[in-house]
Amino acid sequence: MKKKAFIALSLLVGSITAFGQEVVASQGDTYSNGSGSIDFTIGEVVISTVSDATNEITQGFHQTMWDFVGLEDFDANFAVSIFPNPAQDVLTIQATAFEDVTFILTDAAGRIVMRDILTGELTPLDVASFEAGIYNLSLEKASRTLKTFRLIKTQ
């Protein structure tokens, strides 16, 4: 009996892997028109991005809306780096165009924990006394958001 169950299970697993792949997702949809169709699920990892002058499409398995360190890029021309992330004692903002740029650091509850202007190409922030957790850093100029980052503070 065990031998028959093993053979049946082997055939079942073999046929599943040989004849197709399927993504089971909690969210997604299918759109189609006369020229084609597109299927998507929420939560797939991107393995390839293809774009032309006006369109961009990602391909992969389990695409996610997770941005690396939570970057939102409102101004593509404003170049900035935030490091290290995660941070323990000092977080550094590096921006070549720093004049009149304000940074706002908020905690996970949305409370402002630090607000000031960038002082140079490298602006260090002392975060050693902050609680461990997730923080959001917004960079603004003339009340317009340039970029936001999701940061992790460790002990």
C-alpha atoms as a PDB file:
ATOM      1  CA  MET A   1       0.000   0.000   0.000  1.00  0.00           C
ATOM      2  CA  LYS A   2       2.800   2.401   0.871  1.00  0.00           C
ATOM      3  CA  LYS A   3       4.480   1.705  -2.449  1.00  0.00           C
ATOM      4  CA  LYS A   4       1.289   2.530  -4.402  1.00  0.00           C
ATOM      5  CA  ALA A   5       0.782   5.768  -2.420  1.00  0.00           C
ATOM      6  CA  PHE A   6       4.376   6.759  -3.064  1.00  0.00           C
ATOM      7  CA  ILE A   7       4.038   6.115  -6.800  1.00  0.00           C
ATOM      8  CA  ALA A   8       0.755   8.063  -6.960  1.00  0.00           C
ATOM      9  CA  LEU A   9       2.277  10.997  -5.084  1.00  0.00           C
ATOM     10  CA  SER A  10       5.354  10.946  -7.321  1.00  0.00           C
ATOM     11  CA  LEU A  11       3.209  10.994 -10.455  1.00  0.00           C
ATOM     12  CA  LEU A  12       1.106  13.840  -9.092  1.00  0.00           C
ATOM     13  CA  VAL A  13       4.114  15.986  -8.148  1.00  0.00           C
ATOM     14  CA  GLY A  14       5.832  15.185 -11.432  1.00  0.00           C
ATOM     15  CA  SER A  15       2.805  16.158 -13.497  1.00  0.00           C
ATOM     16  CA  ILE A  16       2.368  19.434 -11.613  1.00  0.00           C
ATOM     17  CA  THR A  17       5.975  20.485 -12.176  1.00  0.00           C
ATOM     18  CA  ALA A  18       6.089  19.228 -15.766  1.00  0.00           C
ATOM     19  CA  PHE A  19       2.864  20.716 -17.117  1.00  0.00           C
ATOM     20  CA  GLY A  20       2.685  24.214 -15.749  1.00  0.00           C
ATOM     21  CA  GLN A  21       3.259  26.803 -13.134  1.00  0.00           C
ATOM     22  CA  GLU A  22       0.630  28.680 -11.246  1.00  0.00           C
ATOM     23  CA  VAL A  23       0.705  31.628  -8.884  1.00  0.00           C
ATOM     24  CA  VAL A  24      -1.839  31.598  -6.108  1.00  0.00           C
ATOM     25  CA  ALA A  25      -2.257  35.181  -4.924  1.00  0.00           C
ATOM     26  CA  SER A  26      -4.729  37.010  -2.744  1.00  0.00           C
ATOM     27  CA  GLN A  27      -4.805  40.081  -5.008  1.00  0.00           C
ATOM     28  CA  GLY A  28      -4.545  40.618  -8.755  1.00  0.00           C
ATOM     29  CA  ASP A  29      -6.554  40.930 -11.933  1.00  0.00           C
ATOM     30  CA  THR A  30      -6.582  40.456 -15.702  1.00  0.00           C
ATOM     31  CA  TYR A  31      -7.102  43.179 -18.290  1.00  0.00           C
ATOM     32  CA  SER A  32      -7.503  42.588 -22.010  1.00  0.00           C
ATOM     33  CA  ASN A  33      -8.478  44.334 -25.211  1.00  0.00           C
ATOM     34  CA  GLY A  34      -8.268  43.592 -28.922  1.00  0.00           C
ATOM     35  CA  SER A  35      -4.463  43.838 -28.989  1.00  0.00           C
ATOM     36  CA  GLY A  36      -3.526  41.769 -25.951  1.00  0.00           C
ATOM     37  CA  SER A  37      -3.996  41.028 -22.304  1.00  0.00           C
ATOM     38  CA  ILE A  38      -2.106  41.411 -19.071  1.00  0.00           C
ATOM     39  CA  ASP A  39      -2.353  39.449 -15.844  1.00  0.00           C
ATOM     40  CA  PHE A  40      -0.936  40.655 -12.571  1.00  0.00           C
ATOM     41  CA  THR A  41      -0.742  39.696  -8.945  1.00  0.00           C
ATOM     42  CA  ILE A  42       0.303  41.785  -6.001  1.00  0.00           C
ATOM     43  CA  GLY A  43       3.321  40.473  -4.160  1.00  0.00           C
ATOM     44  CA  GLU A  44       5.604  39.229  -6.955  1.00  0.00           C
ATOM     45  CA  VAL A  45       9.389  39.692  -6.973  1.00  0.00           C
ATOM     46  CA  VAL A  46      10.553  41.594 -10.065  1.00  0.00           C
ATOM     47  CA  ILE A  47      13.216  39.822 -12.139  1.00  0.00           C
ATOM     48  CA  SER A  48      13.159  41.988 -15.265  1.00  0.00           C
ATOM     49  CA  THR A  49      11.984  45.450 -16.293  1.00  0.00           C
ATOM     50  CA  VAL A  50      11.344  46.407 -19.926  1.00  0.00           C
ATOM     51  CA  SER A  51      10.530  49.956 -21.006  1.00  0.00           C
ATOM     52  CA  ASP A  52      10.209  52.193 -24.018  1.00  0.00           C
ATOM     53  CA  ALA A  53       9.689  55.952 -24.214  1.00  0.00           C
ATOM     54  CA  THR A  54       6.224  55.843 -22.637  1.00  0.00           C
ATOM     55  CA  ASN A  55       5.611  52.425 -21.056  1.00  0.00           C
ATOM     56  CA  GLU A  56       7.282  50.245 -18.460  1.00  0.00           C
ATOM     57  CA  ILE A  57       6.498  46.649 -17.561  1.00  0.00           C
ATOM     58  CA  THR A  58       8.056  44.333 -15.012  1.00  0.00           C
ATOM     59  CA  GLN A  59       8.254  40.586 -15.265  1.00  0.00           C
ATOM     60  CA  GLY A  60       8.926  38.130 -12.537  1.00  0.00           C
ATOM     61  CA  PHE A  61       7.638  36.135  -9.669  1.00  0.00           C
ATOM     62  CA  HIS A  62       5.836  37.724  -6.760  1.00  0.00           C
ATOM     63  CA  GLN A  63       6.169  41.400  -7.696  1.00  0.00           C
ATOM     64  CA  THR A  64       5.990  43.663  -4.697  1.00  0.00           C
ATOM     65  CA  MET A  65       5.295  47.273  -3.995  1.00  0.00           C
ATOM     66  CA  TRP A  66       8.226  47.221  -1.586  1.00  0.00           C
ATOM     67  CA  ASP A  67      10.805  49.782  -2.607  1.00  0.00           C
ATOM     68  CA  PHE A  68      14.361  49.312  -1.467  1.00  0.00           C
ATOM     69  CA  VAL A  69      14.501  51.222   1.807  1.00  0.00           C
ATOM     70  CA  GLY A  70      11.123  52.750   0.967  1.00  0.00           C
ATOM     71  CA  LEU A  71      12.255  55.437  -1.455  1.00  0.00           C
ATOM     72  CA  GLU A  72       9.610  57.655  -3.032  1.00  0.00           C
ATOM     73  CA  ASP A  73      11.097  59.733  -5.822  1.00  0.00           C
ATOM     74  CA  PHE A  74       9.050  62.883  -6.344  1.00  0.00           C
ATOM     75  CA  ASP A  75      11.867  64.769  -8.123  1.00  0.00           C
ATOM     76  CA  ALA A  76      14.067  62.595 -10.323  1.00  0.00           C
ATOM     77  CA  ASN A  77      16.553  65.445 -10.798  1.00  0.00           C
ATOM     78  CA  PHE A  78      17.312  65.712  -7.070  1.00  0.00           C
ATOM     79  CA  ALA A  79      20.148  63.273  -6.302  1.00  0.00           C
ATOM     80  CA  VAL A  80      20.514  62.209  -2.688  1.00  0.00           C
ATOM     81  CA  SER A  81      21.891  59.252  -0.729  1.00  0.00           C
ATOM     82  CA  ILE A  82      20.978  58.240   2.800  1.00  0.00           C
ATOM     83  CA  PHE A  83      23.385  55.948   4.632  1.00  0.00           C
ATOM     84  CA  PRO A  84      23.780  53.695   6.498  1.00  0.00           C
ATOM     85  CA  ASN A  85      20.350  52.125   6.537  1.00  0.00           C
ATOM     86  CA  PRO A  86      19.764  50.547   8.994  1.00  0.00           C
ATOM     87  CA  ALA A  87      21.485  53.122  11.224  1.00  0.00           C
ATOM     88  CA  GLN A  88      22.585  52.820  14.807  1.00  0.00           C
ATOM     89  CA  ASP A  89      24.232  56.112  15.863  1.00  0.00           C
ATOM     90  CA  VAL A  90      24.654  58.491  12.916  1.00  0.00           C
ATOM     91  CA  LEU A  91      22.608  58.736   9.734  1.00  0.00           C
ATOM     92  CA  THR A  92      24.157  60.732   6.874  1.00  0.00           C
ATOM     93  CA  ILE A  93      22.323  62.623   4.133  1.00  0.00           C
ATOM     94  CA  GLN A  94      24.477  63.211   1.048  1.00  0.00           C
ATOM     95  CA  ALA A  95      23.146  65.730  -1.492  1.00  0.00           C
ATOM     96  CA  THR A  96      25.071  67.904  -3.936  1.00  0.00           C
ATOM     97  CA  ALA A  97      22.180  70.361  -4.308  1.00  0.00           C
ATOM     98  CA  PHE A  98      21.534  71.033  -0.618  1.00  0.00           C
ATOM     99  CA  GLU A  99      20.714  74.759  -0.592  1.00  0.00           C
ATOM    100  CA  ASP A 100      17.320  75.529   1.006  1.00  0.00           C
ATOM    101  CA  VAL A 101      16.489  71.825   1.409  1.00  0.00           C
ATOM    102  CA  THR A 102      14.707  70.901   4.644  1.00  0.00           C
ATOM    103  CA  PHE A 103      14.684  67.410   6.135  1.00  0.00           C
ATOM    104  CA  ILE A 104      11.885  66.121   8.335  1.00  0.00           C
ATOM    105  CA  LEU A 105      12.349  62.903  10.284  1.00  0.00           C
ATOM    106  CA  THR A 106       9.154  61.344  11.667  1.00  0.00           C
ATOM    107  CA  ASP A 107       8.609  58.243  13.762  1.00  0.00           C
ATOM    108  CA  ALA A 108       6.230  55.393  12.893  1.00  0.00           C
ATOM    109  CA  ALA A 109       3.343  57.284  14.547  1.00  0.00           C
ATOM    110  CA  GLY A 110       3.957  60.323  12.320  1.00  0.00           C
ATOM    111  CA  ARG A 111       5.421  62.544  15.066  1.00  0.00           C
ATOM    112  CA  ILE A 112       8.232  64.866  13.976  1.00  0.00           C
ATOM    113  CA  VAL A 113      11.368  63.842  15.864  1.00  0.00           C
ATOM    114  CA  MET A 114      13.838  66.050  13.974  1.00  0.00           C
ATOM    115  CA  ARG A 115      13.510  68.917  11.504  1.00  0.00           C
ATOM    116  CA  ASP A 116      16.267  71.134  10.099  1.00  0.00           C
ATOM    117  CA  ILE A 117      17.941  72.247   6.879  1.00  0.00           C
ATOM    118  CA  LEU A 118      20.738  70.436   5.086  1.00  0.00           C
ATOM    119  CA  THR A 119      24.019  72.092   6.046  1.00  0.00           C
ATOM    120  CA  GLY A 120      26.279  70.824   3.277  1.00  0.00           C
ATOM    121  CA  GLU A 121      26.890  68.007   0.846  1.00  0.00           C
ATOM    122  CA  LEU A 122      27.104  65.700   3.870  1.00  0.00           C
ATOM    123  CA  THR A 123      24.664  66.307   6.721  1.00  0.00           C
ATOM    124  CA  PRO A 124      25.074  63.907   9.665  1.00  0.00           C
ATOM    125  CA  LEU A 125      22.079  63.248  11.918  1.00  0.00           C
ATOM    126  CA  ASP A 126      22.653  61.985  15.460  1.00  0.00           C
ATOM    127  CA  VAL A 127      20.046  59.243  15.943  1.00  0.00           C
ATOM    128  CA  ALA A 128      21.765  57.404  18.799  1.00  0.00           C
ATOM    129  CA  SER A 129      19.154  58.488  21.365  1.00  0.00           C
ATOM    130  CA  PHE A 130      16.169  57.453  19.211  1.00  0.00           C
ATOM    131  CA  GLU A 131      14.200  54.301  19.947  1.00  0.00           C
ATOM    132  CA  ALA A 132      14.753  51.355  17.617  1.00  0.00           C
ATOM    133  CA  GLY A 133      12.121  51.230  14.893  1.00  0.00           C
ATOM    134  CA  ILE A 134      11.054  52.547  11.503  1.00  0.00           C
ATOM    135  CA  TYR A 135      11.311  56.240  10.654  1.00  0.00           C
ATOM    136  CA  ASN A 136      10.408  58.292   7.578  1.00  0.00           C
ATOM    137  CA  LEU A 137      12.700  60.974   6.212  1.00  0.00           C
ATOM    138  CA  SER A 138      11.252  63.613   3.869  1.00  0.00           C
ATOM    139  CA  LEU A 139      13.350  66.097   1.943  1.00  0.00           C
ATOM    140  CA  GLU A 140      11.541  69.283   0.914  1.00  0.00           C
ATOM    141  CA  LYS A 141      12.326  72.509  -0.872  1.00  0.00           C
ATOM    142  CA  ALA A 142       9.893  75.459  -0.880  1.00  0.00           C
ATOM    143  CA  SER A 143       7.184  73.241   0.700  1.00  0.00           C
ATOM    144  CA  ARG A 144       7.511  70.736  -2.162  1.00  0.00           C
ATOM    145  CA  THR A 145       8.506  67.144  -1.359  1.00  0.00           C
ATOM    146  CA  LEU A 146      11.600  66.028  -3.266  1.00  0.00           C
ATOM    147  CA  LYS A 147      12.086  62.512  -1.888  1.00  0.00           C
ATOM    148  CA  THR A 148      11.031  60.373   1.045  1.00  0.00           C
ATOM    149  CA  PHE A 149      12.857  57.434   2.575  1.00  0.00           C
ATOM    150  CA  ARG A 150      11.880  54.701   5.012  1.00  0.00           C
ATOM    151  CA  LEU A 151      14.680  54.193   7.504  1.00  0.00           C
ATOM    152  CA  ILE A 152      15.406  51.590  10.124  1.00  0.00           C
ATOM    153  CA  LYS A 153      16.972  52.547  13.467  1.00  0.00           C
ATOM    154  CA  THR A 154      18.660  49.698  15.326  1.00  0.00           C
ATOM    155  CA  GLN A 155      19.811  49.537  18.956  1.00  0.00           C
END
